Amino acid sequence: MTPAVFSHGDLRLYLLSLLAESPQHGYGIIQALTDRTGGTYTPSAGTIYPRLAKLEEEGLVSKTVDGRTTIYAITDAGRAELTAREGELEGIEEGLSDSVRLIASEVRHSVQEAMRSLRADLATAAQKEKRDAKERAHADSMSDERTTSREQLGRADAALNAFRAQVRTDLRTHVARGGALPASVVADLEQALDDAARAVTRALATPPQD
């Protein structure tokens, strides 16, 4: 289970610290949190705006409307709370670094496990295709190879589409639950898929053994 990035009440104080650096609009705050966590945590608008509204009610944050953009800024009372809780903020920042490292490690491990399974499945499928091709050649040397190839291509397309749909669903579900994928994990995914594709190409280029 992926751990929470912020403990109860910590996000409220961290929002004050971000606004103490400079006034921000809501999207800017979300982007800042994403950047500070290396892409492992992207809060939803439903997470950020209610907390900003609560901080405004408490007089710790003020807002101004510029056209269609609402800008939030910390008040003197908000700065006073930050000063009074400086030790807590340092602890939050240390815990945030630990949480980000743990989340990134878990996501990377999950992707690597999925890629290992994919490579094994593709290798097994390639070996089975070679065996099936040999059996078809012995069973019916006069079979229409072009038709057979089209049938196998259809099976391959169906298998690849099913895999792609499953991975897309898993990744989107992860992001929808508040997670995000670091660039390093995406790079691992791209590399693993490229390796798998090369393995299939080599397998298809190897002639069946009699």
Protein backbone atom coordinates (compact mmCIF):
# COMPACT_ATOMS: atom_id res chain seq x y z
CA MET A 1 0.00 0.00 0.00
CA THR A 2 1.42 3.41 -0.97
CA PRO A 3 2.05 5.55 2.13
CA ALA A 4 0.47 8.97 2.61
CA VAL A 5 2.73 11.88 1.71
CA PHE A 6 1.39 14.20 4.44
CA SER A 7 0.22 13.20 7.89
CA HIS A 8 -3.01 14.64 9.29
CA GLY A 9 -2.77 18.43 9.54
CA ASP A 10 0.68 18.66 7.95
CA LEU A 11 -0.56 19.77 4.53
CA ARG A 12 -2.23 22.81 6.12
CA LEU A 13 1.06 24.02 7.60
CA TYR A 14 2.97 23.21 4.41
CA LEU A 15 0.53 25.33 2.37
CA LEU A 16 1.30 28.26 4.64
CA SER A 17 5.03 27.75 4.04
CA LEU A 18 4.53 27.77 0.27
CA LEU A 19 2.51 30.98 0.43
CA ALA A 20 5.16 32.52 2.68
CA GLU A 21 7.57 32.22 -0.25
CA SER A 22 5.24 34.06 -2.65
CA PRO A 23 1.53 34.54 -3.36
CA GLN A 24 0.11 31.78 -5.57
CA HIS A 25 -3.03 30.81 -7.42
CA GLY A 26 -4.49 27.37 -6.80
CA TYR A 27 -2.90 25.69 -9.80
CA GLY A 28 0.48 27.17 -8.88
CA ILE A 29 0.21 25.63 -5.42
CA ILE A 30 -0.66 22.22 -6.90
CA GLN A 31 2.27 22.47 -9.32
CA ALA A 32 4.63 23.52 -6.52
CA LEU A 33 3.64 20.47 -4.47
CA THR A 34 4.18 18.24 -7.51
CA ASP A 35 7.63 19.76 -8.08
CA ARG A 36 8.63 19.52 -4.40
CA THR A 37 7.76 15.79 -4.34
CA GLY A 38 9.52 14.92 -7.58
CA GLY A 39 6.24 14.10 -9.28
CA THR A 40 5.20 11.44 -6.76
CA TYR A 41 2.34 13.51 -5.33
CA THR A 42 -0.08 15.71 -7.25
CA PRO A 43 -2.98 16.81 -5.03
CA SER A 44 -6.41 17.32 -6.53
CA ALA A 45 -8.24 20.64 -6.52
CA GLY A 46 -10.66 19.02 -4.06
CA THR A 47 -7.76 18.58 -1.64
CA ILE A 48 -6.23 22.06 -1.94
CA TYR A 49 -9.10 24.53 -2.24
CA PRO A 50 -11.05 23.49 0.88
CA ARG A 51 -7.86 23.84 2.94
CA LEU A 52 -7.19 27.28 1.47
CA ALA A 53 -10.77 28.29 2.31
CA LYS A 54 -10.28 27.08 5.89
CA LEU A 55 -7.01 29.02 6.20
CA GLU A 56 -8.81 32.11 4.92
CA GLU A 57 -11.58 31.66 7.52
CA GLU A 58 -8.91 31.50 10.23
CA GLY A 59 -7.34 34.74 8.98
CA LEU A 60 -4.08 33.04 8.06
CA VAL A 61 -4.53 33.52 4.30
CA SER A 62 -6.09 36.26 2.20
CA LYS A 63 -7.22 36.14 -1.41
CA THR A 64 -7.62 38.62 -4.22
CA VAL A 65 -9.39 38.10 -7.53
CA ASP A 66 -7.59 39.20 -10.68
CA GLY A 67 -9.95 38.66 -13.59
CA ARG A 68 -10.68 34.93 -13.55
CA THR A 69 -7.70 34.11 -11.30
CA THR A 70 -7.78 33.98 -7.51
CA ILE A 71 -4.46 34.74 -5.84
CA TYR A 72 -3.79 33.53 -2.29
CA ALA A 73 -1.30 35.23 0.05
CA ILE A 74 -0.20 34.60 3.62
CA THR A 75 -1.25 37.17 6.25
CA ASP A 76 0.72 38.47 9.23
CA ALA A 77 -1.20 36.00 11.41
CA GLY A 78 -0.18 33.21 9.05
CA ARG A 79 3.48 34.21 9.29
CA ALA A 80 3.21 34.31 13.06
CA GLU A 81 1.88 30.73 13.09
CA LEU A 82 4.71 29.61 10.81
CA THR A 83 7.26 31.16 13.16
CA ALA A 84 5.65 29.56 16.19
CA ARG A 85 5.62 26.14 14.50
CA GLU A 86 8.99 26.32 12.77
CA GLY A 87 10.17 23.10 14.41
CA GLU A 88 7.08 21.24 13.19
CA LEU A 89 7.65 22.50 9.65
CA GLU A 90 11.22 21.17 9.65
CA GLY A 91 9.89 17.78 10.72
CA ILE A 92 7.28 17.85 7.96
CA GLU A 93 9.93 18.57 5.34
CA GLU A 94 12.12 15.71 6.58
CA GLY A 95 9.15 13.34 6.61
CA LEU A 96 8.14 14.51 3.15
CA SER A 97 11.56 13.59 1.77
CA ASP A 98 11.33 10.11 3.33
CA SER A 99 7.79 9.57 1.99
CA VAL A 100 8.75 10.65 -1.52
CA ARG A 101 11.72 8.26 -1.57
CA LEU A 102 9.54 5.38 -0.36
CA ILE A 103 6.75 6.06 -2.86
CA ALA A 104 9.19 6.38 -5.75
CA SER A 105 10.85 3.11 -4.74
CA GLU A 106 7.52 1.26 -4.53
CA VAL A 107 6.31 2.58 -7.89
CA ARG A 108 9.63 1.74 -9.54
CA HIS A 109 9.53 -1.77 -8.08
CA SER A 110 5.97 -2.32 -9.33
CA VAL A 111 6.87 -1.19 -12.84
CA GLN A 112 9.99 -3.35 -12.89
CA GLU A 113 7.98 -6.38 -11.77
CA ALA A 114 5.42 -5.73 -14.50
CA MET A 115 8.17 -5.44 -17.11
CA ARG A 116 9.79 -8.69 -16.00
CA SER A 117 6.44 -10.43 -16.29
CA LEU A 118 5.86 -8.89 -19.72
CA ARG A 119 9.25 -10.01 -20.99
CA ALA A 120 8.61 -13.55 -19.74
CA ASP A 121 5.15 -13.62 -21.36
CA LEU A 122 6.52 -12.34 -24.66
CA ALA A 123 9.34 -14.89 -24.65
CA THR A 124 6.87 -17.71 -23.91
CA ALA A 125 4.55 -16.48 -26.66
CA ALA A 126 7.44 -16.38 -29.15
CA GLN A 127 8.49 -19.92 -28.26
CA LYS A 128 4.91 -21.17 -28.55
CA GLU A 129 4.54 -19.51 -31.93
CA LYS A 130 7.67 -21.28 -33.16
CA ARG A 131 6.38 -24.64 -31.93
CA ASP A 132 2.96 -24.04 -33.46
CA ALA A 133 4.54 -23.05 -36.76
CA LYS A 134 6.56 -26.27 -36.81
CA GLU A 135 3.49 -28.39 -36.01
CA ARG A 136 1.44 -26.70 -38.72
CA ALA A 137 4.19 -27.31 -41.25
CA HIS A 138 4.26 -31.03 -40.41
CA ALA A 139 0.46 -31.36 -40.29
CA ASP A 140 -0.28 -29.62 -43.54
CA SER A 141 2.62 -28.61 -45.74
CA MET A 142 0.15 -27.26 -48.32
CA SER A 143 -1.59 -24.84 -45.95
CA ASP A 144 -1.92 -21.26 -47.00
CA GLU A 145 0.90 -19.56 -45.08
CA ARG A 146 -0.35 -16.08 -45.91
CA THR A 147 -3.77 -16.76 -44.37
CA THR A 148 -2.16 -18.31 -41.31
CA SER A 149 0.09 -15.29 -40.84
CA ARG A 150 -2.92 -12.99 -40.94
CA GLU A 151 -4.67 -15.09 -38.31
CA GLN A 152 -1.64 -15.03 -36.04
CA LEU A 153 -1.26 -11.30 -36.57
CA GLY A 154 -4.84 -10.88 -35.41
CA ARG A 155 -4.13 -12.92 -32.29
CA ALA A 156 -1.00 -10.86 -31.62
CA ASP A 157 -2.91 -7.61 -32.08
CA ALA A 158 -5.59 -8.77 -29.66
CA ALA A 159 -3.00 -9.77 -27.04
CA LEU A 160 -1.12 -6.47 -27.36
CA ASN A 161 -4.33 -4.43 -27.19
CA ALA A 162 -5.40 -6.30 -24.05
CA PHE A 163 -2.01 -5.67 -22.42
CA ARG A 164 -2.03 -2.01 -23.38
CA ALA A 165 -5.55 -1.55 -22.01
CA GLN A 166 -4.63 -3.23 -18.72
CA VAL A 167 -1.48 -1.17 -18.19
CA ARG A 168 -3.30 2.05 -19.12
CA THR A 169 -6.07 1.22 -16.63
CA ASP A 170 -3.57 0.44 -13.85
CA LEU A 171 -1.59 3.64 -14.41
CA ARG A 172 -4.66 5.87 -14.64
CA THR A 173 -6.12 4.28 -11.49
CA HIS A 174 -2.84 4.96 -9.68
CA VAL A 175 -2.85 8.62 -10.74
CA ALA A 176 -6.58 9.01 -9.96
CA ARG A 177 -5.90 7.84 -6.40
CA GLY A 178 -3.43 10.68 -5.92
CA GLY A 179 -0.24 9.02 -7.11
CA ALA A 180 2.12 10.14 -9.85
CA LEU A 181 4.96 8.57 -11.80
CA PRO A 182 8.47 10.05 -11.53
CA ALA A 183 10.37 10.59 -14.75
CA SER A 184 12.82 7.85 -13.78
CA VAL A 185 9.99 5.30 -13.53
CA VAL A 186 8.65 6.31 -16.93
CA ALA A 187 12.16 5.95 -18.34
CA ASP A 188 12.39 2.44 -16.85
CA LEU A 189 9.06 1.58 -18.46
CA GLU A 190 10.16 2.85 -21.86
CA GLN A 191 13.46 0.96 -21.64
CA ALA A 192 11.77 -2.28 -20.59
CA LEU A 193 9.25 -2.09 -23.43
CA ASP A 194 12.04 -1.38 -25.90
CA ASP A 195 13.98 -4.40 -24.60
CA ALA A 196 10.88 -6.59 -24.90
CA ALA A 197 10.28 -5.44 -28.47
CA ARG A 198 13.89 -6.24 -29.40
CA ALA A 199 13.55 -9.70 -27.84
CA VAL A 200 10.44 -10.43 -29.94
CA THR A 201 12.19 -9.18 -33.08
CA ARG A 202 15.14 -11.49 -32.44
CA ALA A 203 12.82 -14.43 -31.73
CA LEU A 204 10.88 -13.89 -34.95
CA ALA A 205 14.10 -13.57 -36.94
CA THR A 206 15.35 -16.96 -35.71
CA PRO A 207 14.25 -19.76 -38.07
CA PRO A 208 12.40 -22.71 -36.48
CA GLN A 209 14.61 -25.71 -35.75
CA ASP A 210 13.69 -28.96 -37.53
